[in-house]
Protein backbone atom coordinates (compact mmCIF):
# COMPACT_ATOMS: atom_id res chain seq x y z
CA MET A 1 -25.62 -12.31 -11.30
CA LYS A 2 -22.96 -9.66 -11.88
CA ASP A 3 -19.86 -11.77 -12.36
CA ILE A 4 -18.50 -15.27 -11.70
CA VAL A 5 -14.86 -15.65 -10.72
CA VAL A 6 -13.17 -18.99 -11.44
CA ALA A 7 -9.92 -20.06 -9.80
CA ILE A 8 -7.61 -21.46 -12.48
CA ASP A 9 -4.26 -23.23 -12.09
CA PHE A 10 -4.47 -24.99 -15.50
CA SER A 11 -5.00 -28.40 -13.91
CA LYS A 12 -7.76 -30.67 -15.21
CA GLY A 13 -9.67 -29.98 -12.01
CA SER A 14 -9.71 -26.22 -12.51
CA LEU A 15 -10.66 -26.55 -16.19
CA HIS A 16 -13.47 -28.84 -15.10
CA ALA A 17 -14.61 -26.04 -12.77
CA LEU A 18 -14.47 -23.66 -15.75
CA ASP A 19 -16.76 -25.98 -17.74
CA TYR A 20 -19.20 -25.85 -14.84
CA ALA A 21 -18.86 -22.07 -14.49
CA ILE A 22 -19.70 -21.48 -18.14
CA GLN A 23 -22.78 -23.66 -17.92
CA PHE A 24 -23.75 -21.76 -14.79
CA ALA A 25 -23.08 -18.35 -16.33
CA ASN A 26 -25.23 -19.14 -19.35
CA ARG A 27 -28.18 -19.77 -17.03
CA VAL A 28 -27.72 -16.72 -14.81
CA LYS A 29 -26.51 -14.46 -17.67
CA SER A 30 -23.17 -13.58 -16.13
CA ASN A 31 -19.63 -12.75 -17.20
CA VAL A 32 -16.83 -15.15 -16.23
CA THR A 33 -13.43 -13.96 -14.99
CA MET A 34 -10.68 -16.57 -14.74
CA VAL A 35 -8.01 -15.84 -12.11
CA TRP A 36 -4.51 -17.32 -11.92
CA VAL A 37 -2.31 -16.53 -8.93
CA ASP A 38 1.47 -16.65 -8.98
CA ASN A 39 2.04 -17.94 -5.47
CA HIS A 40 5.82 -18.38 -5.84
CA LEU A 41 8.09 -16.01 -3.97
CA THR A 42 10.50 -14.06 -6.19
CA GLN A 43 13.47 -15.54 -4.33
CA ASP A 44 12.37 -19.00 -5.46
CA PHE A 45 13.63 -18.05 -8.92
CA GLY A 46 17.20 -17.32 -9.97
CA PHE A 47 16.33 -14.33 -12.14
CA THR A 48 13.47 -11.90 -12.59
CA GLN A 49 13.31 -13.14 -16.18
CA GLU A 50 12.08 -16.51 -14.92
CA VAL A 51 9.21 -14.80 -13.12
CA ASN A 52 8.24 -12.93 -16.30
CA GLU A 53 8.37 -16.16 -18.32
CA TRP A 54 6.07 -17.80 -15.78
CA ARG A 55 3.49 -15.05 -16.20
CA GLU A 56 3.88 -14.99 -19.99
CA GLU A 57 3.20 -18.72 -20.11
CA ALA A 58 0.09 -18.23 -17.98
CA SER A 59 -1.13 -15.48 -20.34
CA LYS A 60 -0.60 -17.71 -23.38
CA ASN A 61 -2.50 -20.53 -21.70
CA PHE A 62 -5.38 -18.17 -21.00
CA GLU A 63 -5.48 -16.94 -24.58
CA GLU A 64 -5.79 -20.54 -25.77
CA ILE A 65 -8.54 -21.20 -23.23
CA ILE A 66 -10.47 -18.12 -24.38
CA LYS A 67 -10.25 -19.24 -28.01
CA THR A 68 -11.76 -22.58 -27.05
CA TYR A 69 -14.34 -21.49 -24.50
CA LYS A 70 -15.60 -18.04 -25.51
CA VAL A 71 -18.07 -19.41 -28.08
CA ARG A 72 -19.66 -21.49 -25.33
CA LEU A 73 -20.34 -18.48 -23.10
CA LYS A 74 -23.43 -17.12 -24.84
CA PRO A 75 -24.61 -13.94 -23.05
CA GLY A 76 -21.46 -12.92 -21.18
CA LYS A 77 -17.77 -12.10 -21.59
CA LEU A 78 -14.89 -14.45 -20.78
CA SER A 79 -11.73 -12.75 -19.46
CA TYR A 80 -8.76 -13.42 -17.18
CA LYS A 81 -6.61 -11.79 -14.54
CA LEU A 82 -3.09 -12.56 -13.32
CA ARG A 83 -2.37 -11.91 -9.65
CA LYS A 84 0.50 -12.54 -7.26
CA GLY A 85 0.38 -13.54 -3.62
CA LYS A 86 -1.47 -16.08 -1.51
CA VAL A 87 -4.00 -17.91 -3.66
CA TYR A 88 -7.04 -17.64 -1.41
CA GLN A 89 -6.43 -13.97 -0.60
CA GLU A 90 -5.92 -12.97 -4.23
CA ILE A 91 -9.02 -14.85 -5.41
CA ALA A 92 -11.02 -13.03 -2.73
CA THR A 93 -9.48 -9.68 -3.71
CA GLN A 94 -10.38 -10.15 -7.38
CA ALA A 95 -13.91 -11.14 -6.42
CA ARG A 96 -14.26 -7.89 -4.47
CA LEU A 97 -12.82 -5.83 -7.33
CA ASN A 98 -15.30 -7.44 -9.74
CA ASP A 99 -18.15 -7.16 -7.24
CA ALA A 100 -18.60 -10.84 -8.07
CA SER A 101 -21.75 -12.71 -7.12
CA LEU A 102 -20.08 -16.13 -7.05
CA ILE A 103 -16.68 -17.84 -6.99
CA ILE A 104 -16.31 -21.32 -8.49
CA ALA A 105 -13.31 -23.47 -7.58
CA GLY A 106 -12.32 -27.03 -8.34
CA THR A 107 -11.27 -29.42 -5.60
CA HIS A 108 -9.70 -32.86 -5.41
CA GLY A 109 -11.30 -33.59 -2.05
CA VAL A 110 -9.26 -35.37 0.63
CA THR A 111 -6.82 -37.26 -1.57
CA GLY A 112 -3.46 -35.77 -0.67
CA TYR A 113 -3.20 -34.51 -4.24
CA GLU A 114 -1.51 -31.12 -4.09
CA GLU A 115 0.52 -30.92 -7.30
CA PHE A 116 -1.60 -27.90 -8.24
CA TRP A 117 -2.66 -25.18 -5.85
CA ILE A 118 -6.38 -25.52 -6.47
CA GLY A 119 -6.61 -28.79 -4.56
CA SER A 120 -5.05 -27.51 -1.37
CA ASN A 121 -6.64 -24.04 -1.36
CA ALA A 122 -10.32 -24.75 -2.00
CA TYR A 123 -11.46 -24.55 1.62
CA ARG A 124 -9.28 -21.46 2.20
CA ILE A 125 -10.97 -19.76 -0.75
CA VAL A 126 -14.32 -20.52 0.87
CA SER A 127 -13.08 -19.08 4.17
CA TYR A 128 -11.90 -15.74 2.78
CA ALA A 129 -14.39 -15.15 -0.03
CA PRO A 130 -16.57 -12.01 0.07
CA CYS A 131 -19.36 -13.85 -1.76
CA PRO A 132 -20.78 -17.39 -2.03
CA VAL A 133 -18.36 -20.06 -3.28
CA LEU A 134 -19.26 -23.14 -5.28
CA THR A 135 -16.74 -25.98 -5.09
CA ILE A 136 -16.83 -28.92 -7.50
CA ARG A 137 -14.82 -32.14 -7.44
CA HIS A 138 -12.61 -32.93 -10.41
CA ASP A 139 -14.47 -36.22 -10.92
CA CYS A 140 -18.01 -34.82 -10.66
CA VAL A 141 -20.07 -35.45 -13.79
CA ILE A 142 -21.54 -32.23 -15.17
CA LYS A 143 -25.05 -32.95 -16.42
CA PRO A 144 -26.06 -31.35 -19.74
CA GLU A 145 -29.25 -30.04 -18.14
CA GLY A 146 -27.28 -28.40 -15.32
CA VAL A 147 -28.65 -28.09 -11.80
CA THR A 148 -32.03 -29.84 -11.47
CA SER A 149 -32.03 -30.78 -7.78
CA ILE A 150 -30.69 -28.83 -4.79
CA ILE A 151 -30.34 -29.99 -1.17
CA LEU A 152 -31.08 -27.23 1.33
CA PRO A 153 -30.20 -28.49 4.83
CA ILE A 154 -31.84 -26.70 7.74
CA ASP A 155 -30.40 -26.97 11.25
CA ALA A 156 -30.78 -25.23 14.60
CA THR A 157 -28.22 -22.46 13.96
CA LEU A 158 -29.48 -18.91 13.59
CA ASP A 159 -27.58 -18.45 10.31
CA THR A 160 -29.11 -21.46 8.56
CA ARG A 161 -31.87 -19.34 6.95
CA GLN A 162 -29.40 -16.97 5.26
CA LYS A 163 -28.66 -19.47 2.49
CA VAL A 164 -32.29 -19.63 1.35
CA PRO A 165 -32.49 -16.47 -0.87
CA PHE A 166 -29.33 -17.22 -2.89
CA THR A 167 -30.33 -20.88 -3.25
CA MET A 168 -33.75 -19.80 -4.52
CA GLU A 169 -32.08 -17.56 -7.11
CA ILE A 170 -30.16 -20.53 -8.47
CA ALA A 171 -33.22 -22.79 -8.36
CA LYS A 172 -35.24 -20.28 -10.37
CA ALA A 173 -32.46 -19.81 -12.94
CA PHE A 174 -32.21 -23.56 -13.59
CA GLY A 175 -35.82 -24.51 -12.90
CA ALA A 176 -34.48 -26.82 -10.19
CA ASP A 177 -36.35 -28.56 -7.40
CA VAL A 178 -35.29 -27.86 -3.81
CA HIS A 179 -35.14 -30.62 -1.20
CA LEU A 180 -35.64 -28.95 2.17
CA LEU A 181 -33.86 -31.26 4.63
CA SER A 182 -34.44 -30.63 8.35
CA LEU A 183 -31.53 -32.08 10.33
CA TYR A 184 -31.92 -32.80 14.04
CA THR A 185 -28.63 -33.30 15.89
CA THR A 186 -30.34 -33.94 19.22
CA SER A 187 -33.43 -35.66 20.57
CA ILE A 188 -34.30 -32.60 22.68
CA LYS A 189 -37.75 -31.53 21.49
CA ALA A 190 -37.15 -27.81 22.02
CA MET A 191 -34.18 -27.89 19.64
CA GLN A 192 -36.12 -29.93 17.09
CA ARG A 193 -38.95 -27.39 17.24
CA LYS A 194 -36.39 -24.66 16.52
CA VAL A 195 -35.33 -26.52 13.36
CA ASP A 196 -38.98 -26.96 12.40
CA ASN A 197 -39.63 -23.24 12.80
CA TYR A 198 -36.67 -22.38 10.56
CA ALA A 199 -37.88 -24.93 8.01
CA ARG A 200 -41.35 -23.36 7.95
CA LEU A 201 -39.82 -19.94 7.31
CA ALA A 202 -37.81 -21.42 4.43
CA GLN A 203 -40.97 -23.03 3.03
CA LYS A 204 -42.73 -19.66 3.14
CA LEU A 205 -39.95 -18.05 1.10
CA LEU A 206 -39.93 -20.90 -1.41
CA ASP A 207 -43.71 -20.68 -1.78
CA GLU A 208 -43.55 -16.92 -2.38
CA ALA A 209 -40.81 -17.40 -4.99
CA GLY A 210 -42.75 -20.13 -6.79
CA VAL A 211 -39.94 -22.68 -6.38
CA ASN A 212 -40.87 -26.37 -6.35
CA TYR A 213 -39.73 -28.12 -3.19
CA SER A 214 -40.14 -31.20 -1.04
CA THR A 215 -39.53 -31.62 2.68
CA GLU A 216 -37.90 -34.32 4.76
CA SER A 217 -36.46 -34.53 8.25
CA MET A 218 -34.01 -36.84 9.95
CA VAL A 219 -31.97 -37.25 13.12
CA ALA A 220 -28.26 -37.23 12.32
CA ASP A 221 -25.17 -37.63 14.49
CA ASN A 222 -23.02 -36.43 11.59
CA ILE A 223 -24.87 -33.89 9.48
CA THR A 224 -22.18 -33.93 6.78
CA ASN A 225 -22.63 -37.65 6.18
CA ALA A 226 -26.42 -37.35 6.42
CA ALA A 227 -26.60 -34.54 3.86
CA ILE A 228 -24.24 -36.32 1.44
CA GLU A 229 -26.09 -39.62 1.74
CA TYR A 230 -29.41 -37.88 1.16
CA ALA A 231 -27.96 -36.06 -1.86
CA ARG A 232 -26.94 -39.42 -3.32
CA ARG A 233 -30.37 -40.87 -2.63
CA VAL A 234 -32.24 -38.14 -4.49
CA ASP A 235 -29.53 -37.71 -7.16
CA ALA A 236 -28.97 -34.06 -6.19
CA ASP A 237 -26.74 -31.73 -8.21
CA LEU A 238 -25.92 -29.22 -5.47
CA ILE A 239 -25.81 -28.91 -1.67
CA ALA A 240 -26.23 -25.42 -0.20
CA ILE A 241 -24.63 -24.80 3.19
CA MET A 242 -23.64 -22.00 5.53
CA THR A 243 -19.94 -21.83 6.33
CA GLU A 244 -20.55 -21.51 10.11
CA GLN A 245 -17.23 -19.72 10.35
CA GLU A 246 -15.28 -18.66 13.37
CA THR A 247 -13.07 -15.56 13.50
CA SER A 248 -9.90 -14.92 15.43
CA ALA A 249 -7.49 -12.01 15.58
CA SER A 250 -5.32 -13.51 12.82
CA ASN A 251 -7.51 -15.77 10.73
CA ILE A 252 -10.91 -16.84 9.49
CA LEU A 253 -11.66 -20.52 9.87
CA LEU A 254 -14.35 -22.73 8.47
CA GLY A 255 -16.48 -24.58 10.96
CA PRO A 256 -16.21 -28.39 11.00
CA PHE A 257 -19.43 -29.04 9.02
CA ALA A 258 -18.47 -26.70 6.18
CA GLN A 259 -14.88 -27.95 5.97
CA GLN A 260 -15.98 -31.59 5.94
CA MET A 261 -18.58 -30.86 3.28
CA VAL A 262 -16.12 -29.05 0.99
CA ASN A 263 -13.55 -31.83 1.42
CA TYR A 264 -15.76 -34.90 1.19
CA SER A 265 -18.86 -34.13 -0.87
CA PRO A 266 -18.95 -35.76 -4.34
CA VAL A 267 -21.76 -33.31 -5.14
CA PRO A 268 -20.93 -29.63 -5.81
CA VAL A 269 -21.22 -27.55 -2.65
CA LEU A 270 -22.49 -23.98 -2.49
CA SER A 271 -20.98 -22.34 0.61
CA ILE A 272 -22.57 -19.11 1.81
CA GLN A 273 -21.03 -17.00 4.55
CA PRO A 274 -23.11 -15.43 7.31
CA LYS A 275 -23.52 -11.73 6.61
CA GLU A 276 -21.54 -10.61 9.65
CA ILE A 277 -18.63 -12.86 8.61
CA ILE A 278 -18.64 -11.37 5.10
CA ALA A 279 -18.35 -7.91 6.60
CA ILE A 280 -15.36 -8.95 8.69
CA SER A 281 -13.53 -10.80 5.90
CA THR A 282 -13.69 -7.89 3.44
CA ARG A 283 -12.05 -5.32 5.65
């Protein structure tokens, strides 16, 4: 991978995401760029001096973080950037400038905790990102061995297969097993056959890549709950999903499955945008 961007607001949750990012970067041999965004309007402060002090404090915090963390990042370089504006837009902009392969962001889930911006912006970062985004809860235990088990849900949407190549790349880097989970949201046989066909194509790619995998299928009224429950059952370390986004003239919105997964999953979630959505969001 070229570069991993990590959203940092100096909360415990974002530093937890940095721990995860460094472990990840060591496996995929990547640099890590930490990004802090000043999302306060200038008029919120009495003097320009206060704005400068805010940024100076952020720089000092980053220098301390680099002193602590740089020895842990073995093959790559640890650096930081300060940006100003809307958090999710600036994180996406920096990812484009770095030609980043992945963004990692911490999240507090649905807890109402918004003292720091990372908790309330995680799903927006996923929406606007020009590359895959991995979100991790602040209370998720990071295993020393890293990612050993990945859930790869397959549904009836045309985009569902697009997450397979990137997921395989991660599985190969960590030597992880992939659990191919076919999810049927209807009893209509034609739709179930469509899911089966997509699953067979995914199996073919996994076979060709030499990735170990298992297969399972289930009928699920709520695919978010089904995927999370299955992840708990097999002690998975990652769930890979498509963002199934919708676009409008003024915004890019996550679909309900992706938003629920980012908000509720206790397991880290890898969100991958459909290619046509990525093209739209980077204009």
